[in-house]
Amino acid sequence: MSDTETMIKLHERAAGGETLSATEAASLGEWYATLDAEEDALLAGDKTIAPTSDLALQSQIKQTTESVARVSREVKDLTKQNKALQDENRKLRRKLEARLAEHQAA
């Protein structure tokens, strides 16, 4: 895994509310500072810093798309499981209500 990929994962964890270790937080802060410096240099017209390549961007887009698709599948699966549990819950409630009614009638 490249340093950029590692930093992106740390960024995603931090943005998602996960607490990073002191080392991870420091590394992420340094990466942010590096990105800011590169951006400032590019905006100032300094061509000595090469922007992220198209291949790297395409790779990031592909990874993000795959991640979104995976999460979407997981949500779909969880939704199915939730519906099945709700159906089972309704059946059990009906059985319980029937038994209670029988018990009260007796």
C-alpha atoms as a PDB file:
ATOM      1  CA  MET A   1       0.000   0.000   0.000  1.00  0.00           C
ATOM      2  CA  SER A   2       1.423   3.400  -0.939  1.00  0.00           C
ATOM      3  CA  ASP A   3       1.945   6.206   1.547  1.00  0.00           C
ATOM      4  CA  THR A   4      -0.869   8.132  -0.126  1.00  0.00           C
ATOM      5  CA  GLU A   5      -3.263   5.200   0.222  1.00  0.00           C
ATOM      6  CA  THR A   6      -2.275   4.807   3.872  1.00  0.00           C
ATOM      7  CA  MET A   7      -2.869   8.497   4.522  1.00  0.00           C
ATOM      8  CA  ILE A   8      -6.216   8.394   2.708  1.00  0.00           C
ATOM      9  CA  LYS A   9      -7.287   5.505   4.940  1.00  0.00           C
ATOM     10  CA  LEU A  10      -6.178   7.434   8.038  1.00  0.00           C
ATOM     11  CA  HIS A  11      -8.060  10.482   6.793  1.00  0.00           C
ATOM     12  CA  GLU A  12     -11.211   8.390   6.228  1.00  0.00           C
ATOM     13  CA  ARG A  13     -10.932   6.911   9.720  1.00  0.00           C
ATOM     14  CA  ALA A  14     -10.463  10.329  11.312  1.00  0.00           C
ATOM     15  CA  ALA A  15     -13.271  11.861   9.222  1.00  0.00           C
ATOM     16  CA  GLY A  16     -15.502   8.958  10.285  1.00  0.00           C
ATOM     17  CA  GLY A  17     -14.968   9.855  13.930  1.00  0.00           C
ATOM     18  CA  GLU A  18     -12.493   7.141  14.802  1.00  0.00           C
ATOM     19  CA  THR A  19      -9.820   8.108  17.306  1.00  0.00           C
ATOM     20  CA  LEU A  20      -6.325   7.814  15.865  1.00  0.00           C
ATOM     21  CA  SER A  21      -3.214   6.998  17.858  1.00  0.00           C
ATOM     22  CA  ALA A  22      -0.841   9.876  18.534  1.00  0.00           C
ATOM     23  CA  THR A  23       1.524   8.546  15.857  1.00  0.00           C
ATOM     24  CA  GLU A  24      -1.269   8.212  13.303  1.00  0.00           C
ATOM     25  CA  ALA A  25      -2.592  11.696  14.091  1.00  0.00           C
ATOM     26  CA  ALA A  26       0.902  13.170  13.745  1.00  0.00           C
ATOM     27  CA  SER A  27       1.453  11.382  10.421  1.00  0.00           C
ATOM     28  CA  LEU A  28      -1.902  12.586   9.151  1.00  0.00           C
ATOM     29  CA  GLY A  29      -1.114  16.149  10.233  1.00  0.00           C
ATOM     30  CA  GLU A  30       2.204  16.013   8.373  1.00  0.00           C
ATOM     31  CA  TRP A  31       0.450  14.679   5.279  1.00  0.00           C
ATOM     32  CA  TYR A  32      -2.116  17.494   5.438  1.00  0.00           C
ATOM     33  CA  ALA A  33       0.734  20.009   5.729  1.00  0.00           C
ATOM     34  CA  THR A  34       2.489  18.463   2.724  1.00  0.00           C
ATOM     35  CA  LEU A  35      -0.702  18.586   0.655  1.00  0.00           C
ATOM     36  CA  ASP A  36      -1.280  22.198   1.686  1.00  0.00           C
ATOM     37  CA  ALA A  37       2.288  23.108   0.711  1.00  0.00           C
ATOM     38  CA  GLU A  38       1.921  21.387  -2.673  1.00  0.00           C
ATOM     39  CA  GLU A  39      -1.379  23.150  -3.274  1.00  0.00           C
ATOM     40  CA  ASP A  40       0.090  26.521  -2.281  1.00  0.00           C
ATOM     41  CA  ALA A  41       3.037  25.936  -4.615  1.00  0.00           C
ATOM     42  CA  LEU A  42       0.759  24.997  -7.500  1.00  0.00           C
ATOM     43  CA  LEU A  43      -1.442  28.006  -6.918  1.00  0.00           C
ATOM     44  CA  ALA A  44       1.652  30.203  -6.830  1.00  0.00           C
ATOM     45  CA  GLY A  45       2.725  28.817 -10.197  1.00  0.00           C
ATOM     46  CA  ASP A  46       5.632  26.693  -8.929  1.00  0.00           C
ATOM     47  CA  LYS A  47       5.912  23.892 -11.490  1.00  0.00           C
ATOM     48  CA  THR A  48       8.603  21.994  -9.551  1.00  0.00           C
ATOM     49  CA  ILE A  49       5.954  19.979  -7.715  1.00  0.00           C
ATOM     50  CA  ALA A  50       4.203  17.484  -9.950  1.00  0.00           C
ATOM     51  CA  PRO A  51       0.461  17.202  -9.387  1.00  0.00           C
ATOM     52  CA  THR A  52      -1.023  13.799  -8.653  1.00  0.00           C
ATOM     53  CA  SER A  53      -0.923  11.747 -11.828  1.00  0.00           C
ATOM     54  CA  ASP A  54      -4.027  10.803 -13.751  1.00  0.00           C
ATOM     55  CA  LEU A  55      -3.284   7.133 -13.046  1.00  0.00           C
ATOM     56  CA  ALA A  56      -3.186   7.771  -9.306  1.00  0.00           C
ATOM     57  CA  LEU A  57      -6.469   9.656  -9.490  1.00  0.00           C
ATOM     58  CA  GLN A  58      -8.041   6.904 -11.584  1.00  0.00           C
ATOM     59  CA  SER A  59      -6.835   4.355  -9.056  1.00  0.00           C
ATOM     60  CA  GLN A  60      -8.339   6.355  -6.195  1.00  0.00           C
ATOM     61  CA  ILE A  61     -11.625   6.712  -8.076  1.00  0.00           C
ATOM     62  CA  LYS A  62     -11.673   2.964  -8.777  1.00  0.00           C
ATOM     63  CA  GLN A  63     -10.968   2.137  -5.122  1.00  0.00           C
ATOM     64  CA  THR A  64     -13.645   4.544  -3.939  1.00  0.00           C
ATOM     65  CA  THR A  65     -16.171   3.178  -6.434  1.00  0.00           C
ATOM     66  CA  GLU A  66     -15.426  -0.387  -5.323  1.00  0.00           C
ATOM     67  CA  SER A  67     -15.773   0.659  -1.702  1.00  0.00           C
ATOM     68  CA  VAL A  68     -19.132   2.323  -2.364  1.00  0.00           C
ATOM     69  CA  ALA A  69     -20.350  -0.767  -4.233  1.00  0.00           C
ATOM     70  CA  ARG A  70     -19.235  -3.035  -1.365  1.00  0.00           C
ATOM     71  CA  VAL A  71     -20.965  -0.880   1.238  1.00  0.00           C
ATOM     72  CA  SER A  72     -24.079  -0.760  -0.939  1.00  0.00           C
ATOM     73  CA  ARG A  73     -24.139  -4.571  -1.115  1.00  0.00           C
ATOM     74  CA  GLU A  74     -23.673  -4.770   2.649  1.00  0.00           C
ATOM     75  CA  VAL A  75     -26.559  -2.354   3.224  1.00  0.00           C
ATOM     76  CA  LYS A  76     -28.744  -4.374   0.861  1.00  0.00           C
ATOM     77  CA  ASP A  77     -27.869  -7.606   2.685  1.00  0.00           C
ATOM     78  CA  LEU A  78     -28.506  -6.036   6.085  1.00  0.00           C
ATOM     79  CA  THR A  79     -31.835  -4.682   4.858  1.00  0.00           C
ATOM     80  CA  LYS A  80     -32.852  -8.209   3.774  1.00  0.00           C
ATOM     81  CA  GLN A  81     -31.777  -9.647   7.123  1.00  0.00           C
ATOM     82  CA  ASN A  82     -33.656  -6.902   8.961  1.00  0.00           C
ATOM     83  CA  LYS A  83     -36.835  -7.601   6.985  1.00  0.00           C
ATOM     84  CA  ALA A  84     -36.546 -11.328   7.728  1.00  0.00           C
ATOM     85  CA  LEU A  85     -36.135 -10.603  11.437  1.00  0.00           C
ATOM     86  CA  GLN A  86     -39.113  -8.246  11.390  1.00  0.00           C
ATOM     87  CA  ASP A  87     -41.230 -10.920   9.676  1.00  0.00           C
ATOM     88  CA  GLU A  88     -40.155 -13.520  12.251  1.00  0.00           C
ATOM     89  CA  ASN A  89     -40.911 -11.068  15.039  1.00  0.00           C
ATOM     90  CA  ARG A  90     -44.439 -10.502  13.679  1.00  0.00           C
ATOM     91  CA  LYS A  91     -45.050 -14.268  13.481  1.00  0.00           C
ATOM     92  CA  LEU A  92     -43.871 -14.803  17.040  1.00  0.00           C
ATOM     93  CA  ARG A  93     -46.031 -11.944  18.300  1.00  0.00           C
ATOM     94  CA  ARG A  94     -49.099 -13.450  16.627  1.00  0.00           C
ATOM     95  CA  LYS A  95     -48.331 -16.847  18.213  1.00  0.00           C
ATOM     96  CA  LEU A  96     -47.872 -15.233  21.604  1.00  0.00           C
ATOM     97  CA  GLU A  97     -51.093 -13.259  21.279  1.00  0.00           C
ATOM     98  CA  ALA A  98     -52.961 -16.444  20.305  1.00  0.00           C
ATOM     99  CA  ARG A  99     -51.557 -18.348  23.286  1.00  0.00           C
ATOM    100  CA  LEU A 100     -52.407 -15.486  25.637  1.00  0.00           C
ATOM    101  CA  ALA A 101     -55.930 -15.386  24.258  1.00  0.00           C
ATOM    102  CA  GLU A 102     -56.267 -19.168  24.779  1.00  0.00           C
ATOM    103  CA  HIS A 103     -54.915 -18.887  28.290  1.00  0.00           C
ATOM    104  CA  GLN A 104     -57.299 -16.068  29.178  1.00  0.00           C
ATOM    105  CA  ALA A 105     -60.234 -17.941  27.690  1.00  0.00           C
ATOM    106  CA  ALA A 106     -59.480 -21.037  29.784  1.00  0.00           C
END
